[in-house]
Amino acid sequence: MTPLLESRLNRALDVYNAEVASGHRPALVVSGGQGSDEETAEATAMKKYLIGKGVAEKLILAEARSRNTRENLTMTRDLLESSDLRSEPMIVVTSNFHVLRTAAFTRDLGLDAHVTGADTARFYAPTAFLREFVAILHRYRKPNIALLVGIASIVVILQHVN
């Protein structure tokens, strides 16, 4: 269990416990496949961790095939639908640096979801936020290119105005 993953799970437990305290009986869906360098799927490790923290196994669904955030969300939606669980709004827990892009994915997929972030270690945060910034620029590359072209055009025009 990496510290980053443990932080996300602890944040999920906070959200889960708050829901239980409010009288709700939420299910937890853990999502993440197995990388070539991993002994077990991320979802399997997360489920084991949550059970160790006192969450009943029957309340945890595991999606262990996804390879990225979009697949996490798509396969989680499909898993919830096939298990006849309603999850509106769904609360998605991710790392704090990944909230914006995850929220964009939930919107793209038509999910009624709230996205919340877990703390990230200080040493990792600059790299993580930079990576997300580049990913957002790439995701919205057409509007960003149009904006840059517009700004460059204005600069060129202003340079020629006396």
Protein backbone atom coordinates (compact mmCIF):
# COMPACT_ATOMS: atom_id res chain seq x y z
CA MET A 1 0.00 0.00 0.00
CA THR A 2 1.60 3.23 -1.13
CA PRO A 3 1.17 6.34 1.01
CA LEU A 4 -0.74 8.04 -1.84
CA LEU A 5 -3.21 5.14 -2.08
CA GLU A 6 -3.55 4.93 1.70
CA SER A 7 -4.34 8.66 1.80
CA ARG A 8 -7.14 8.18 -0.74
CA LEU A 9 -8.56 5.24 1.20
CA ASN A 10 -8.47 7.13 4.48
CA ARG A 11 -10.31 10.02 2.82
CA ALA A 12 -12.86 7.51 1.46
CA LEU A 13 -13.30 6.14 4.98
CA ASP A 14 -13.92 9.66 6.29
CA VAL A 15 -16.62 10.20 3.66
CA TYR A 16 -18.07 6.73 4.25
CA ASN A 17 -18.20 7.19 8.03
CA ALA A 18 -19.87 10.59 7.64
CA GLU A 19 -22.52 9.01 5.42
CA VAL A 20 -23.09 6.19 7.94
CA ALA A 21 -23.35 8.76 10.76
CA SER A 22 -26.04 10.55 8.71
CA GLY A 23 -28.10 7.37 8.59
CA HIS A 24 -27.13 6.22 5.11
CA ARG A 25 -25.86 2.75 4.17
CA PRO A 26 -23.46 3.47 1.33
CA ALA A 27 -21.52 0.87 -0.58
CA LEU A 28 -17.87 1.41 -1.35
CA VAL A 29 -16.51 0.73 -4.80
CA VAL A 30 -12.77 0.34 -5.11
CA SER A 31 -11.42 0.55 -8.60
CA GLY A 32 -8.05 -0.18 -10.15
CA GLY A 33 -6.42 -2.89 -12.18
CA GLN A 34 -3.14 -4.69 -11.88
CA GLY A 35 -0.02 -3.22 -13.42
CA SER A 36 2.70 -5.41 -14.88
CA ASP A 37 4.91 -4.66 -11.87
CA GLU A 38 2.24 -5.26 -9.23
CA GLU A 39 1.55 -8.45 -7.27
CA THR A 40 -2.17 -7.80 -7.03
CA ALA A 41 -4.79 -5.53 -8.53
CA GLU A 42 -5.10 -2.15 -6.87
CA ALA A 43 -8.80 -2.78 -6.16
CA THR A 44 -8.01 -6.05 -4.38
CA ALA A 45 -5.43 -4.36 -2.15
CA MET A 46 -7.85 -1.51 -1.41
CA LYS A 47 -10.65 -3.89 -0.49
CA LYS A 48 -8.37 -5.77 1.88
CA TYR A 49 -7.28 -2.47 3.50
CA LEU A 50 -10.89 -1.32 4.02
CA ILE A 51 -11.90 -4.66 5.52
CA GLY A 52 -8.95 -4.31 7.90
CA LYS A 53 -10.35 -0.91 8.90
CA GLY A 54 -13.70 -2.44 9.84
CA VAL A 55 -15.81 -2.05 6.69
CA ALA A 56 -17.99 -5.11 6.10
CA GLU A 57 -16.81 -7.06 3.06
CA LYS A 58 -20.36 -7.24 1.66
CA LEU A 59 -20.40 -3.42 1.42
CA ILE A 60 -17.30 -3.27 -0.79
CA LEU A 61 -17.49 -3.83 -4.53
CA ALA A 62 -14.21 -4.23 -6.40
CA GLU A 63 -13.55 -3.35 -10.03
CA ALA A 64 -10.12 -4.74 -10.83
CA ARG A 65 -9.73 -4.39 -14.61
CA SER A 66 -9.42 -0.65 -15.25
CA ARG A 67 -6.14 0.95 -16.30
CA ASN A 68 -6.91 4.66 -16.02
CA THR A 69 -9.35 7.12 -14.47
CA ARG A 70 -11.83 7.08 -17.33
CA GLU A 71 -11.97 3.27 -17.22
CA ASN A 72 -12.25 3.40 -13.40
CA LEU A 73 -15.36 5.52 -13.70
CA THR A 74 -16.91 3.67 -16.64
CA MET A 75 -16.39 0.24 -15.13
CA THR A 76 -17.55 1.43 -11.70
CA ARG A 77 -20.76 2.74 -13.26
CA ASP A 78 -21.28 -0.59 -15.02
CA LEU A 79 -20.57 -2.52 -11.81
CA LEU A 80 -23.08 -0.46 -9.85
CA GLU A 81 -25.71 -0.91 -12.57
CA SER A 82 -25.19 -4.68 -12.73
CA SER A 83 -25.48 -4.96 -8.94
CA ASP A 84 -28.70 -2.88 -8.89
CA LEU A 85 -27.17 -0.28 -6.60
CA ARG A 86 -28.21 3.32 -6.96
CA SER A 87 -25.45 5.79 -6.38
CA GLU A 88 -26.71 9.24 -7.11
CA PRO A 89 -24.91 11.28 -6.35
CA MET A 90 -21.80 9.17 -6.40
CA ILE A 91 -18.91 10.42 -4.29
CA VAL A 92 -15.60 9.89 -6.04
CA VAL A 93 -12.43 10.05 -3.97
CA THR A 94 -9.13 10.71 -5.69
CA SER A 95 -5.92 12.54 -4.93
CA ASN A 96 -6.33 16.31 -4.53
CA PHE A 97 -4.20 17.05 -7.59
CA HIS A 98 -6.48 14.85 -9.72
CA VAL A 99 -9.88 16.30 -8.73
CA LEU A 100 -10.36 18.68 -11.68
CA ARG A 101 -9.67 16.10 -14.38
CA THR A 102 -11.69 13.42 -12.58
CA ALA A 103 -14.65 15.80 -12.33
CA ALA A 104 -14.36 16.45 -16.08
CA PHE A 105 -14.48 12.70 -16.72
CA THR A 106 -17.59 12.29 -14.54
CA ARG A 107 -19.26 15.08 -16.52
CA ASP A 108 -18.24 13.49 -19.84
CA LEU A 109 -19.71 10.16 -18.72
CA GLY A 110 -22.95 11.71 -17.48
CA LEU A 111 -22.35 10.62 -13.89
CA ASP A 112 -24.08 12.45 -11.08
CA ALA A 113 -20.97 12.70 -8.94
CA HIS A 114 -19.16 14.80 -6.38
CA VAL A 115 -15.38 14.52 -6.51
CA THR A 116 -13.29 15.02 -3.41
CA GLY A 117 -9.55 14.94 -2.96
CA ALA A 118 -7.20 13.29 -0.50
CA ASP A 119 -4.00 14.92 0.67
CA THR A 120 -0.81 14.37 -1.31
CA ALA A 121 2.66 14.22 0.22
CA ARG A 122 4.43 17.57 -0.11
CA PHE A 123 7.41 16.12 -1.95
CA TYR A 124 5.15 14.59 -4.61
CA ALA A 125 2.68 17.46 -5.01
CA PRO A 126 4.67 19.73 -7.38
CA THR A 127 5.28 16.92 -9.87
CA ALA A 128 1.71 15.66 -9.59
CA PHE A 129 0.13 19.08 -10.08
CA LEU A 130 2.43 19.81 -13.04
CA ARG A 131 1.48 16.49 -14.63
CA GLU A 132 -2.22 17.28 -14.17
CA PHE A 133 -1.73 20.79 -15.58
CA VAL A 134 -0.18 19.35 -18.74
CA ALA A 135 -2.94 16.74 -18.96
CA ILE A 136 -5.63 19.44 -18.70
CA LEU A 137 -3.88 21.55 -21.35
CA HIS A 138 -3.81 18.50 -23.62
CA ARG A 139 -7.41 17.54 -22.86
CA TYR A 140 -8.59 21.02 -23.88
CA ARG A 141 -5.95 21.55 -26.55
CA LYS A 142 -8.25 23.06 -29.21
CA PRO A 143 -9.58 25.85 -26.97
CA ASN A 144 -6.06 26.42 -25.63
CA ILE A 145 -4.60 26.69 -29.13
CA ALA A 146 -7.39 29.08 -30.13
CA LEU A 147 -6.71 31.19 -27.05
CA LEU A 148 -2.96 31.31 -27.74
CA VAL A 149 -3.55 32.23 -31.37
CA GLY A 150 -5.92 34.99 -30.24
CA ILE A 151 -3.42 36.36 -27.73
CA ALA A 152 -0.59 36.20 -30.27
CA SER A 153 -2.78 38.01 -32.82
CA ILE A 154 -3.55 40.79 -30.35
CA VAL A 155 0.15 41.15 -29.51
CA VAL A 156 1.05 41.41 -33.21
CA ILE A 157 -1.72 43.97 -33.83
CA LEU A 158 -0.68 46.04 -30.81
CA GLN A 159 2.92 46.07 -32.00
CA HIS A 160 1.83 47.65 -35.26
CA VAL A 161 -0.39 50.32 -33.70
CA ASN A 162 1.33 53.71 -33.37
